[in-house]
C-alpha atoms as a PDB file:
ATOM      1  CA  MET A   1     131.187  83.399  73.027  1.00  0.00           C
ATOM      2  CA  LEU A   2     128.947  82.270  70.139  1.00  0.00           C
ATOM      3  CA  ASP A   3     131.615  83.307  67.639  1.00  0.00           C
ATOM      4  CA  ALA A   4     134.065  80.878  69.255  1.00  0.00           C
ATOM      5  CA  LEU A   5     131.784  77.822  69.154  1.00  0.00           C
ATOM      6  CA  HIS A   6     132.592  74.921  66.829  1.00  0.00           C
ATOM      7  CA  GLU A   7     128.860  74.265  66.521  1.00  0.00           C
ATOM      8  CA  GLY A   8     126.976  76.500  64.112  1.00  0.00           C
ATOM      9  CA  VAL A   9     124.436  78.902  65.625  1.00  0.00           C
ATOM     10  CA  ILE A  10     121.865  80.951  63.673  1.00  0.00           C
ATOM     11  CA  LEU A  11     119.352  83.360  65.243  1.00  0.00           C
ATOM     12  CA  LEU A  12     116.120  84.349  63.499  1.00  0.00           C
ATOM     13  CA  ASP A  13     113.549  86.824  64.715  1.00  0.00           C
ATOM     14  CA  ALA A  14     109.800  86.165  64.890  1.00  0.00           C
ATOM     15  CA  GLY A  15     109.375  87.502  61.343  1.00  0.00           C
ATOM     16  CA  GLY A  16     111.751  84.895  59.896  1.00  0.00           C
ATOM     17  CA  ASP A  17     114.707  87.225  59.302  1.00  0.00           C
ATOM     18  CA  VAL A  18     118.258  86.089  59.999  1.00  0.00           C
ATOM     19  CA  ARG A  19     119.753  88.357  62.678  1.00  0.00           C
ATOM     20  CA  TYR A  20     123.002  86.507  63.382  1.00  0.00           C
ATOM     21  CA  ALA A  21     125.046  83.508  62.238  1.00  0.00           C
ATOM     22  CA  ASN A  22     128.340  82.565  63.879  1.00  0.00           C
ATOM     23  CA  PRO A  23     131.479  81.713  61.855  1.00  0.00           C
ATOM     24  CA  ALA A  24     130.981  77.948  62.266  1.00  0.00           C
ATOM     25  CA  ALA A  25     127.488  78.114  60.708  1.00  0.00           C
ATOM     26  CA  LEU A  26     128.722  80.320  57.873  1.00  0.00           C
ATOM     27  CA  ASP A  27     131.624  77.953  57.183  1.00  0.00           C
ATOM     28  CA  MET A  28     129.532  74.765  57.204  1.00  0.00           C
ATOM     29  CA  LEU A  29     126.738  76.197  55.053  1.00  0.00           C
ATOM     30  CA  GLY A  30     128.996  78.303  52.852  1.00  0.00           C
ATOM     31  CA  LEU A  31     126.790  81.386  53.286  1.00  0.00           C
ATOM     32  CA  PRO A  32     127.693  85.066  53.784  1.00  0.00           C
ATOM     33  CA  ALA A  33     127.250  86.839  57.111  1.00  0.00           C
ATOM     34  CA  PRO A  34     123.991  88.848  57.469  1.00  0.00           C
ATOM     35  CA  ASP A  35     126.087  92.098  57.451  1.00  0.00           C
ATOM     36  CA  GLY A  36     124.328  93.757  60.359  1.00  0.00           C
ATOM     37  CA  ALA A  37     120.884  94.221  58.779  1.00  0.00           C
ATOM     38  CA  PRO A  38     118.333  91.402  59.118  1.00  0.00           C
ATOM     39  CA  VAL A  39     118.054  89.217  56.001  1.00  0.00           C
ATOM     40  CA  PRO A  40     114.904  87.212  55.086  1.00  0.00           C
ATOM     41  CA  VAL A  41     115.751  83.573  55.601  1.00  0.00           C
ATOM     42  CA  GLU A  42     114.484  82.647  52.104  1.00  0.00           C
ATOM     43  CA  GLU A  43     116.883  85.137  50.563  1.00  0.00           C
ATOM     44  CA  TRP A  44     119.788  84.081  52.791  1.00  0.00           C
ATOM     45  CA  LEU A  45     119.367  80.365  52.009  1.00  0.00           C
ATOM     46  CA  ALA A  46     118.781  80.849  48.270  1.00  0.00           C
ATOM     47  CA  GLY A  47     122.465  80.365  47.496  1.00  0.00           C
ATOM     48  CA  LEU A  48     122.249  76.732  48.587  1.00  0.00           C
ATOM     49  CA  GLY A  49     119.903  75.763  45.757  1.00  0.00           C
ATOM     50  CA  ASP A  50     116.170  75.102  45.715  1.00  0.00           C
ATOM     51  CA  ASP A  51     116.082  71.626  47.297  1.00  0.00           C
ATOM     52  CA  TYR A  52     118.547  72.381  50.085  1.00  0.00           C
ATOM     53  CA  SER A  53     116.944  75.735  50.831  1.00  0.00           C
ATOM     54  CA  ARG A  54     113.439  74.266  50.859  1.00  0.00           C
ATOM     55  CA  SER A  55     114.464  71.518  53.284  1.00  0.00           C
ATOM     56  CA  LEU A  56     116.013  73.977  55.737  1.00  0.00           C
ATOM     57  CA  ARG A  57     113.054  76.385  55.519  1.00  0.00           C
ATOM     58  CA  THR A  58     110.634  73.528  56.263  1.00  0.00           C
ATOM     59  CA  THR A  59     112.749  72.464  59.228  1.00  0.00           C
ATOM     60  CA  ILE A  60     112.721  76.016  60.593  1.00  0.00           C
ATOM     61  CA  GLU A  61     108.962  76.377  60.115  1.00  0.00           C
ATOM     62  CA  GLU A  62     108.286  73.059  61.873  1.00  0.00           C
ATOM     63  CA  ARG A  63     110.874  73.715  64.602  1.00  0.00           C
ATOM     64  CA  GLY A  64     112.302  70.297  63.834  1.00  0.00           C
ATOM     65  CA  GLN A  65     115.557  68.749  62.715  1.00  0.00           C
ATOM     66  CA  THR A  66     116.929  67.158  59.570  1.00  0.00           C
ATOM     67  CA  GLY A  67     120.076  65.574  58.210  1.00  0.00           C
ATOM     68  CA  LEU A  68     121.651  66.854  55.010  1.00  0.00           C
ATOM     69  CA  PRO A  69     124.791  66.271  52.957  1.00  0.00           C
ATOM     70  CA  HIS A  70     127.352  69.031  53.440  1.00  0.00           C
ATOM     71  CA  PRO A  71     126.778  71.584  50.652  1.00  0.00           C
ATOM     72  CA  ASN A  72     130.497  72.091  50.051  1.00  0.00           C
ATOM     73  CA  VAL A  73     132.381  69.021  51.287  1.00  0.00           C
ATOM     74  CA  ASP A  74     131.932  65.544  49.800  1.00  0.00           C
ATOM     75  CA  ARG A  75     131.101  62.716  52.232  1.00  0.00           C
ATOM     76  CA  GLN A  76     130.339  65.043  55.104  1.00  0.00           C
ATOM     77  CA  TYR A  77     126.855  65.370  56.549  1.00  0.00           C
ATOM     78  CA  LEU A  78     125.178  67.979  58.698  1.00  0.00           C
ATOM     79  CA  ARG A  79     122.501  67.865  61.377  1.00  0.00           C
ATOM     80  CA  PHE A  80     120.316  70.987  61.293  1.00  0.00           C
ATOM     81  CA  GLU A  81     117.966  71.679  64.206  1.00  0.00           C
ATOM     82  CA  ALA A  82     115.556  74.591  64.783  1.00  0.00           C
ATOM     83  CA  ARG A  83     113.905  75.298  68.123  1.00  0.00           C
ATOM     84  CA  PRO A  84     112.133  78.254  69.784  1.00  0.00           C
ATOM     85  CA  LEU A  85     114.387  80.558  71.747  1.00  0.00           C
ATOM     86  CA  PRO A  86     113.210  80.387  75.385  1.00  0.00           C
ATOM     87  CA  GLY A  87     111.277  83.455  76.502  1.00  0.00           C
ATOM     88  CA  SER A  88     110.676  84.884  73.024  1.00  0.00           C
ATOM     89  CA  ASP A  89     109.183  84.215  69.589  1.00  0.00           C
ATOM     90  CA  ASP A  90     112.646  84.083  68.037  1.00  0.00           C
ATOM     91  CA  VAL A  91     114.211  80.886  66.664  1.00  0.00           C
ATOM     92  CA  ILE A  92     117.650  79.426  67.277  1.00  0.00           C
ATOM     93  CA  CYS A  93     119.112  77.022  64.719  1.00  0.00           C
ATOM     94  CA  LEU A  94     122.007  74.689  65.478  1.00  0.00           C
ATOM     95  CA  VAL A  95     124.248  73.203  62.780  1.00  0.00           C
ATOM     96  CA  ARG A  96     126.739  70.421  63.452  1.00  0.00           C
ATOM     97  CA  ARG A  97     128.520  67.690  61.583  1.00  0.00           C
ATOM     98  CA  ASP A  98     126.626  64.399  61.744  1.00  0.00           C
ATOM     99  CA  GLN A  99     129.622  62.189  62.447  1.00  0.00           C
ATOM    100  CA  GLY A 100     127.473  59.150  63.169  1.00  0.00           C
ATOM    101  CA  TYR A 101     125.955  59.311  59.694  1.00  0.00           C
ATOM    102  CA  GLU A 102     129.391  59.922  58.180  1.00  0.00           C
ATOM    103  CA  ALA A 103     130.687  56.776  59.885  1.00  0.00           C
ATOM    104  CA  VAL A 104     127.810  54.755  58.437  1.00  0.00           C
ATOM    105  CA  GLU A 105     128.630  56.094  54.963  1.00  0.00           C
ATOM    106  CA  VAL A 106     132.264  55.008  55.379  1.00  0.00           C
ATOM    107  CA  ILE A 107     131.139  51.531  56.462  1.00  0.00           C
ATOM    108  CA  ALA A 108     128.836  51.255  53.449  1.00  0.00           C
ATOM    109  CA  THR A 109     131.740  52.191  51.150  1.00  0.00           C
ATOM    110  CA  LEU A 110     134.018  49.606  52.775  1.00  0.00           C
ATOM    111  CA  ILE A 111     131.392  46.873  52.379  1.00  0.00           C
ATOM    112  CA  HIS A 112     131.141  47.638  48.680  1.00  0.00           C
ATOM    113  CA  ALA A 113     134.944  47.493  48.359  1.00  0.00           C
ATOM    114  CA  ILE A 114     135.215  44.165  50.222  1.00  0.00           C
ATOM    115  CA  ARG A 115     132.526  42.467  48.150  1.00  0.00           C
ATOM    116  CA  THR A 116     134.708  42.550  45.003  1.00  0.00           C
ATOM    117  CA  PRO A 117     137.537  40.350  46.357  1.00  0.00           C
ATOM    118  CA  MET A 118     134.937  38.209  48.137  1.00  0.00           C
ATOM    119  CA  THR A 119     133.386  37.396  44.753  1.00  0.00           C
ATOM    120  CA  ALA A 120     136.797  36.319  43.471  1.00  0.00           C
ATOM    121  CA  ILE A 121     137.416  34.111  46.522  1.00  0.00           C
ATOM    122  CA  ASN A 122     134.012  32.416  46.256  1.00  0.00           C
ATOM    123  CA  GLY A 123     134.403  31.937  42.526  1.00  0.00           C
ATOM    124  CA  GLY A 124     137.934  30.571  42.877  1.00  0.00           C
ATOM    125  CA  THR A 125     137.060  27.960  45.479  1.00  0.00           C
ATOM    126  CA  ALA A 126     133.995  26.878  43.510  1.00  0.00           C
ATOM    127  CA  MET A 127     136.088  26.418  40.355  1.00  0.00           C
ATOM    128  CA  LEU A 128     138.705  24.399  42.257  1.00  0.00           C
ATOM    129  CA  LYS A 129     136.081  21.962  43.483  1.00  0.00           C
ATOM    130  CA  LEU A 130     134.367  21.785  40.107  1.00  0.00           C
ATOM    131  CA  ILE A 131     137.335  21.504  37.751  1.00  0.00           C
ATOM    132  CA  ASP A 132     140.270  20.210  39.823  1.00  0.00           C
ATOM    133  CA  ALA A 133     138.427  18.095  42.379  1.00  0.00           C
ATOM    134  CA  GLU A 134     140.155  14.845  41.372  1.00  0.00           C
ATOM    135  CA  SER A 135     143.640  16.365  41.448  1.00  0.00           C
ATOM    136  CA  LEU A 136     143.277  17.825  44.950  1.00  0.00           C
ATOM    137  CA  THR A 137     144.660  15.926  47.910  1.00  0.00           C
ATOM    138  CA  ASP A 138     142.526  15.335  50.997  1.00  0.00           C
ATOM    139  CA  ARG A 139     144.389  18.123  52.781  1.00  0.00           C
ATOM    140  CA  GLN A 140     143.752  20.499  49.877  1.00  0.00           C
ATOM    141  CA  HIS A 141     140.051  19.598  49.910  1.00  0.00           C
ATOM    142  CA  GLN A 142     139.958  20.445  53.616  1.00  0.00           C
ATOM    143  CA  LEU A 143     141.626  23.802  52.981  1.00  0.00           C
ATOM    144  CA  VAL A 144     139.166  24.654  50.190  1.00  0.00           C
ATOM    145  CA  ASP A 145     136.245  23.727  52.455  1.00  0.00           C
ATOM    146  CA  THR A 146     137.688  25.878  55.259  1.00  0.00           C
ATOM    147  CA  ILE A 147     138.040  28.841  52.887  1.00  0.00           C
ATOM    148  CA  THR A 148     134.474  28.335  51.635  1.00  0.00           C
ATOM    149  CA  ARG A 149     133.010  28.248  55.164  1.00  0.00           C
ATOM    150  CA  ALA A 150     134.998  31.315  56.239  1.00  0.00           C
ATOM    151  CA  ALA A 151     133.914  33.187  53.106  1.00  0.00           C
ATOM    152  CA  LYS A 152     130.266  32.351  53.807  1.00  0.00           C
ATOM    153  CA  ARG A 153     130.578  33.637  57.391  1.00  0.00           C
ATOM    154  CA  LEU A 154     132.191  36.837  56.132  1.00  0.00           C
ATOM    155  CA  GLU A 155     129.492  37.243  53.482  1.00  0.00           C
ATOM    156  CA  SER A 156     126.816  36.812  56.159  1.00  0.00           C
ATOM    157  CA  SER A 157     128.484  39.467  58.310  1.00  0.00           C
ATOM    158  CA  LEU A 158     128.792  41.847  55.359  1.00  0.00           C
ATOM    159  CA  SER A 159     125.110  41.383  54.550  1.00  0.00           C
ATOM    160  CA  ALA A 160     124.099  42.175  58.134  1.00  0.00           C
ATOM    161  CA  VAL A 161     126.264  45.302  58.283  1.00  0.00           C
ATOM    162  CA  GLY A 162     124.973  46.342  54.863  1.00  0.00           C
ATOM    163  CA  GLU A 163     121.372  46.060  56.093  1.00  0.00           C
ATOM    164  CA  MET A 164     122.277  48.113  59.159  1.00  0.00           C
ATOM    165  CA  THR A 165     123.733  50.908  57.027  1.00  0.00           C
ATOM    166  CA  ARG A 166     120.712  50.924  54.706  1.00  0.00           C
ATOM    167  CA  ILE A 167     118.385  51.313  57.682  1.00  0.00           C
ATOM    168  CA  ASP A 168     120.545  54.041  59.214  1.00  0.00           C
ATOM    169  CA  ARG A 169     120.737  55.936  55.915  1.00  0.00           C
ATOM    170  CA  ASP A 170     117.033  55.429  55.135  1.00  0.00           C
ATOM    171  CA  ARG A 171     117.948  53.588  51.935  1.00  0.00           C
ATOM    172  CA  ILE A 172     115.384  50.779  52.153  1.00  0.00           C
ATOM    173  CA  THR A 173     112.449  51.032  49.771  1.00  0.00           C
ATOM    174  CA  LEU A 174     109.445  48.932  50.727  1.00  0.00           C
ATOM    175  CA  LYS A 175     107.030  47.458  48.204  1.00  0.00           C
ATOM    176  CA  PRO A 176     104.001  46.688  50.375  1.00  0.00           C
ATOM    177  CA  GLU A 177     101.288  44.372  49.154  1.00  0.00           C
ATOM    178  CA  PRO A 178      98.647  42.211  50.874  1.00  0.00           C
ATOM    179  CA  GLN A 179     100.318  39.294  52.680  1.00  0.00           C
ATOM    180  CA  SER A 180      98.758  36.320  54.450  1.00  0.00           C
ATOM    181  CA  PRO A 181     100.462  35.994  57.881  1.00  0.00           C
ATOM    182  CA  LEU A 182      99.721  32.258  57.897  1.00  0.00           C
ATOM    183  CA  LYS A 183     101.401  31.666  54.528  1.00  0.00           C
ATOM    184  CA  ALA A 184     104.357  33.921  55.389  1.00  0.00           C
ATOM    185  CA  VAL A 185     104.961  32.041  58.664  1.00  0.00           C
ATOM    186  CA  ALA A 186     104.716  28.688  56.872  1.00  0.00           C
ATOM    187  CA  ARG A 187     107.293  29.754  54.285  1.00  0.00           C
ATOM    188  CA  ALA A 188     109.654  31.071  56.955  1.00  0.00           C
ATOM    189  CA  LEU A 189     109.352  27.890  59.051  1.00  0.00           C
ATOM    190  CA  GLU A 190     110.199  25.702  56.071  1.00  0.00           C
ATOM    191  CA  SER A 191     113.860  26.810  56.171  1.00  0.00           C
ATOM    192  CA  PHE A 192     114.104  25.622  59.790  1.00  0.00           C
ATOM    193  CA  ARG A 193     112.646  22.166  59.202  1.00  0.00           C
ATOM    194  CA  SER A 194     115.985  20.303  59.370  1.00  0.00           C
ATOM    195  CA  LEU A 195     117.173  22.247  62.439  1.00  0.00           C
ATOM    196  CA  ALA A 196     113.890  21.570  64.228  1.00  0.00           C
ATOM    197  CA  GLN A 197     114.249  17.852  63.503  1.00  0.00           C
ATOM    198  CA  GLU A 198     117.890  17.823  64.540  1.00  0.00           C
ATOM    199  CA  LYS A 199     117.124  19.469  67.909  1.00  0.00           C
ATOM    200  CA  ASN A 200     113.775  17.702  68.349  1.00  0.00           C
ATOM    201  CA  HIS A 201     111.953  21.013  68.798  1.00  0.00           C
ATOM    202  CA  HIS A 202     108.189  20.960  69.212  1.00  0.00           C
ATOM    203  CA  VAL A 203     106.749  23.680  66.977  1.00  0.00           C
ATOM    204  CA  THR A 204     103.124  24.796  67.306  1.00  0.00           C
ATOM    205  CA  LEU A 205     101.177  27.335  65.271  1.00  0.00           C
ATOM    206  CA  ASP A 206      98.203  29.309  66.479  1.00  0.00           C
ATOM    207  CA  LEU A 207      97.206  31.621  63.642  1.00  0.00           C
ATOM    208  CA  PRO A 208      93.443  31.732  62.977  1.00  0.00           C
ATOM    209  CA  PRO A 209      92.573  30.941  59.348  1.00  0.00           C
ATOM    210  CA  ASP A 210      90.540  34.169  59.197  1.00  0.00           C
ATOM    211  CA  LEU A 211      93.439  36.339  60.401  1.00  0.00           C
ATOM    212  CA  PRO A 212      93.357  39.347  58.059  1.00  0.00           C
ATOM    213  CA  ALA A 213      96.099  39.995  55.546  1.00  0.00           C
ATOM    214  CA  VAL A 214      98.710  42.591  56.381  1.00  0.00           C
ATOM    215  CA  GLN A 215     100.098  45.328  54.162  1.00  0.00           C
ATOM    216  CA  ALA A 216     103.800  44.485  54.003  1.00  0.00           C
ATOM    217  CA  ASP A 217     106.778  44.055  51.733  1.00  0.00           C
ATOM    218  CA  PRO A 218     106.843  40.247  51.277  1.00  0.00           C
ATOM    219  CA  GLU A 219     110.633  39.923  51.333  1.00  0.00           C
ATOM    220  CA  ARG A 220     111.034  42.134  54.403  1.00  0.00           C
ATOM    221  CA  PHE A 221     108.118  40.505  56.227  1.00  0.00           C
ATOM    222  CA  GLU A 222     109.734  37.091  55.864  1.00  0.00           C
ATOM    223  CA  GLN A 223     113.119  38.541  56.813  1.00  0.00           C
ATOM    224  CA  VAL A 224     111.705  39.702  60.157  1.00  0.00           C
ATOM    225  CA  LEU A 225     110.086  36.300  60.721  1.00  0.00           C
ATOM    226  CA  HIS A 226     113.339  34.548  59.814  1.00  0.00           C
ATOM    227  CA  ILE A 227     115.351  36.622  62.296  1.00  0.00           C
ATOM    228  CA  LEU A 228     112.961  35.929  65.172  1.00  0.00           C
ATOM    229  CA  LEU A 229     112.606  32.239  64.342  1.00  0.00           C
ATOM    230  CA  ASP A 230     116.366  31.866  63.913  1.00  0.00           C
ATOM    231  CA  ASN A 231     116.924  33.174  67.447  1.00  0.00           C
ATOM    232  CA  ALA A 232     114.219  30.910  68.836  1.00  0.00           C
ATOM    233  CA  PHE A 233     115.573  27.754  67.195  1.00  0.00           C
ATOM    234  CA  LYS A 234     119.230  28.493  67.967  1.00  0.00           C
ATOM    235  CA  TYR A 235     118.812  29.428  71.618  1.00  0.00           C
ATOM    236  CA  THR A 236     116.206  26.835  72.594  1.00  0.00           C
ATOM    237  CA  PRO A 237     117.747  23.588  73.901  1.00  0.00           C
ATOM    238  CA  PRO A 238     116.935  20.227  72.301  1.00  0.00           C
ATOM    239  CA  GLY A 239     113.394  19.104  73.008  1.00  0.00           C
ATOM    240  CA  GLY A 240     112.229  22.666  73.654  1.00  0.00           C
ATOM    241  CA  GLN A 241     108.992  24.355  72.648  1.00  0.00           C
ATOM    242  CA  ILE A 242     108.541  27.060  69.994  1.00  0.00           C
ATOM    243  CA  HIS A 243     105.148  28.684  69.474  1.00  0.00           C
ATOM    244  CA  VAL A 244     104.106  31.088  66.726  1.00  0.00           C
ATOM    245  CA  ARG A 245     100.846  32.929  67.410  1.00  0.00           C
ATOM    246  CA  GLY A 246      98.857  35.545  65.552  1.00  0.00           C
ATOM    247  CA  ARG A 247      95.905  37.737  66.432  1.00  0.00           C
ATOM    248  CA  VAL A 248      94.207  41.006  65.572  1.00  0.00           C
ATOM    249  CA  ALA A 249      95.562  43.820  67.732  1.00  0.00           C
ATOM    250  CA  SER A 250      94.221  47.301  68.393  1.00  0.00           C
ATOM    251  CA  GLY A 251      94.726  50.187  66.003  1.00  0.00           C
ATOM    252  CA  GLY A 252      94.177  48.203  62.811  1.00  0.00           C
ATOM    253  CA  MET A 253      97.185  45.956  63.345  1.00  0.00           C
ATOM    254  CA  VAL A 254      97.964  42.251  63.293  1.00  0.00           C
ATOM    255  CA  GLN A 255     100.260  40.961  66.032  1.00  0.00           C
ATOM    256  CA  ILE A 256     102.570  37.978  65.601  1.00  0.00           C
ATOM    257  CA  ASP A 257     104.368  36.365  68.557  1.00  0.00           C
ATOM    258  CA  VAL A 258     107.366  34.033  68.389  1.00  0.00           C
ATOM    259  CA  ALA A 259     107.690  32.368  71.791  1.00  0.00           C
ATOM    260  CA  ASP A 260     110.201  29.817  73.100  1.00  0.00           C
ATOM    261  CA  ASP A 261     111.203  28.201  76.373  1.00  0.00           C
ATOM    262  CA  GLY A 262     114.918  28.639  75.723  1.00  0.00           C
ATOM    263  CA  LEU A 263     117.730  30.525  77.421  1.00  0.00           C
ATOM    264  CA  GLY A 264     115.809  33.721  78.105  1.00  0.00           C
ATOM    265  CA  ILE A 265     117.444  37.119  78.541  1.00  0.00           C
ATOM    266  CA  PRO A 266     118.820  38.269  81.921  1.00  0.00           C
ATOM    267  CA  ALA A 267     117.105  41.378  83.300  1.00  0.00           C
ATOM    268  CA  GLY A 268     120.374  43.320  83.257  1.00  0.00           C
ATOM    269  CA  GLU A 269     120.790  42.801  79.507  1.00  0.00           C
ATOM    270  CA  GLN A 270     117.240  43.447  78.322  1.00  0.00           C
ATOM    271  CA  GLU A 271     117.529  47.190  77.705  1.00  0.00           C
ATOM    272  CA  ARG A 272     120.402  46.543  75.256  1.00  0.00           C
ATOM    273  CA  VAL A 273     118.774  43.798  73.205  1.00  0.00           C
ATOM    274  CA  PHE A 274     117.952  46.047  70.229  1.00  0.00           C
ATOM    275  CA  GLN A 275     121.251  47.919  70.281  1.00  0.00           C
ATOM    276  CA  LYS A 276     123.744  47.469  67.457  1.00  0.00           C
ATOM    277  CA  PHE A 277     126.333  44.725  67.993  1.00  0.00           C
ATOM    278  CA  PHE A 278     124.821  43.532  71.273  1.00  0.00           C
ATOM    279  CA  ARG A 279     125.253  39.871  72.173  1.00  0.00           C
ATOM    280  CA  GLY A 280     124.481  38.374  75.558  1.00  0.00           C
ATOM    281  CA  ASP A 281     127.156  37.126  77.936  1.00  0.00           C
ATOM    282  CA  ASP A 282     125.902  33.529  78.077  1.00  0.00           C
ATOM    283  CA  TYR A 283     128.577  31.258  76.565  1.00  0.00           C
ATOM    284  CA  ARG A 284     125.852  29.273  74.758  1.00  0.00           C
ATOM    285  CA  ILE A 285     124.996  32.336  72.692  1.00  0.00           C
ATOM    286  CA  HIS A 286     128.574  32.601  71.468  1.00  0.00           C
ATOM    287  CA  GLU A 287     128.512  29.049  70.163  1.00  0.00           C
ATOM    288  CA  TYR A 288     126.783  30.607  67.132  1.00  0.00           C
ATOM    289  CA  PRO A 289     128.661  33.192  65.034  1.00  0.00           C
ATOM    290  CA  GLY A 290     127.089  36.622  64.620  1.00  0.00           C
ATOM    291  CA  LEU A 291     127.557  40.346  65.031  1.00  0.00           C
ATOM    292  CA  GLY A 292     124.505  41.125  67.147  1.00  0.00           C
ATOM    293  CA  LEU A 293     122.762  43.123  64.415  1.00  0.00           C
ATOM    294  CA  HIS A 294     119.752  41.033  63.439  1.00  0.00           C
ATOM    295  CA  LEU A 295     117.350  42.252  66.116  1.00  0.00           C
ATOM    296  CA  TYR A 296     118.356  45.851  65.359  1.00  0.00           C
ATOM    297  CA  ILE A 297     117.583  45.160  61.701  1.00  0.00           C
ATOM    298  CA  ALA A 298     114.277  43.444  62.486  1.00  0.00           C
ATOM    299  CA  ARG A 299     113.083  46.359  64.601  1.00  0.00           C
ATOM    300  CA  GLY A 300     114.092  48.835  61.895  1.00  0.00           C
ATOM    301  CA  LEU A 301     112.174  46.909  59.222  1.00  0.00           C
ATOM    302  CA  VAL A 302     109.047  46.603  61.383  1.00  0.00           C
ATOM    303  CA  GLU A 303     109.092  50.315  62.178  1.00  0.00           C
ATOM    304  CA  LEU A 304     109.475  51.164  58.479  1.00  0.00           C
ATOM    305  CA  HIS A 305     106.148  49.371  57.994  1.00  0.00           C
ATOM    306  CA  GLY A 306     104.551  51.458  60.738  1.00  0.00           C
ATOM    307  CA  GLY A 307     104.595  48.613  63.274  1.00  0.00           C
ATOM    308  CA  ARG A 308     106.345  47.897  66.547  1.00  0.00           C
ATOM    309  CA  LEU A 309     108.685  45.134  67.797  1.00  0.00           C
ATOM    310  CA  TRP A 310     109.140  44.281  71.486  1.00  0.00           C
ATOM    311  CA  PHE A 311     109.769  41.304  73.749  1.00  0.00           C
ATOM    312  CA  GLU A 312     109.151  39.762  77.141  1.00  0.00           C
ATOM    313  CA  SER A 313     111.716  37.426  78.661  1.00  0.00           C
ATOM    314  CA  ALA A 314     112.939  35.802  81.850  1.00  0.00           C
ATOM    315  CA  GLU A 315     116.324  34.168  82.237  1.00  0.00           C
ATOM    316  CA  GLY A 316     116.044  30.397  82.001  1.00  0.00           C
ATOM    317  CA  GLU A 317     112.362  30.525  81.075  1.00  0.00           C
ATOM    318  CA  GLY A 318     112.407  31.689  77.473  1.00  0.00           C
ATOM    319  CA  SER A 319     111.431  34.736  75.437  1.00  0.00           C
ATOM    320  CA  THR A 320     108.494  36.002  73.420  1.00  0.00           C
ATOM    321  CA  PHE A 321     109.216  38.448  70.615  1.00  0.00           C
ATOM    322  CA  SER A 322     106.140  40.216  69.260  1.00  0.00           C
ATOM    323  CA  PHE A 323     105.628  42.576  66.356  1.00  0.00           C
ATOM    324  CA  THR A 324     102.724  44.309  64.670  1.00  0.00           C
ATOM    325  CA  LEU A 325     102.021  45.140  61.045  1.00  0.00           C
ATOM    326  CA  PRO A 326      99.122  47.148  59.599  1.00  0.00           C
ATOM    327  CA  VAL A 327      96.087  45.293  58.323  1.00  0.00           C
ATOM    328  CA  GLU A 328      95.614  45.356  54.548  1.00  0.00           C
ATOM    329  CA  GLU A 329      93.889  48.529  53.398  1.00  0.00           C
ATOM    330  CA  LEU A 330      90.563  47.635  51.783  1.00  0.00           C
END
């Protein structure tokens, strides 16, 4: 039965010797069968190279799981999991293709390919307006403006999907340094000044001047703030209230809240808020273009810092999104 499985199965005894590996595991890892006699796992994995072998041995020792590029097939990835065999001290290892990760890799490749023609489109429309502006008719000006707006929307979507793939592939490198929450919030709010005036929003800040600095990547910190503020400003009706609060939380963390009295999130949609590509059903949400990725990205960035992002909301009463970041290490 194990021989017929498409999922790889490897059995190790309590001493760490490989007793059995089914054909699927042998094929995916490109390793020889144990040939009847137990083989020390270090010896059996040696053919994969030092780094690959070391990663798998660590996973087996910790009874954990890891993702790895396929050792023999380009652009394929494996998920390797080790767990105790019930009722014994033996270990069972499962090997399968990580198709979710493979899909993310394909998306990342497509984004890179699309950016090249996008650069040409943006450059071409800019040159038309700069060099040939006087020779263009009103209709041609309208067409150039339409192309420019569409290109900007596509660029925004590509950027969001690119961020998603970098989070999923663990390709984001943080450069943490001490950051003043008060100054970071002030900088983030500055980009919403015109929108706040246009919609007559009442914005209040409640961040104590002695709020300790946080240890965070400055660009990513402001990106999280921008995402949460963008949602608050967009989905709060004219004349609404937006509050940004900060306080010291437990566990050596600083907590920042972005609260509004806007649309709120229906109870039936709340468990999906941080899922990829989720957008609510309210028609007012769809007045603004988007893919439903920004909250997924914000949560991923906060968690990379060792913090947490969550929310409280009631339909028609508004939402409060809160996140924590570690206090600066002294």
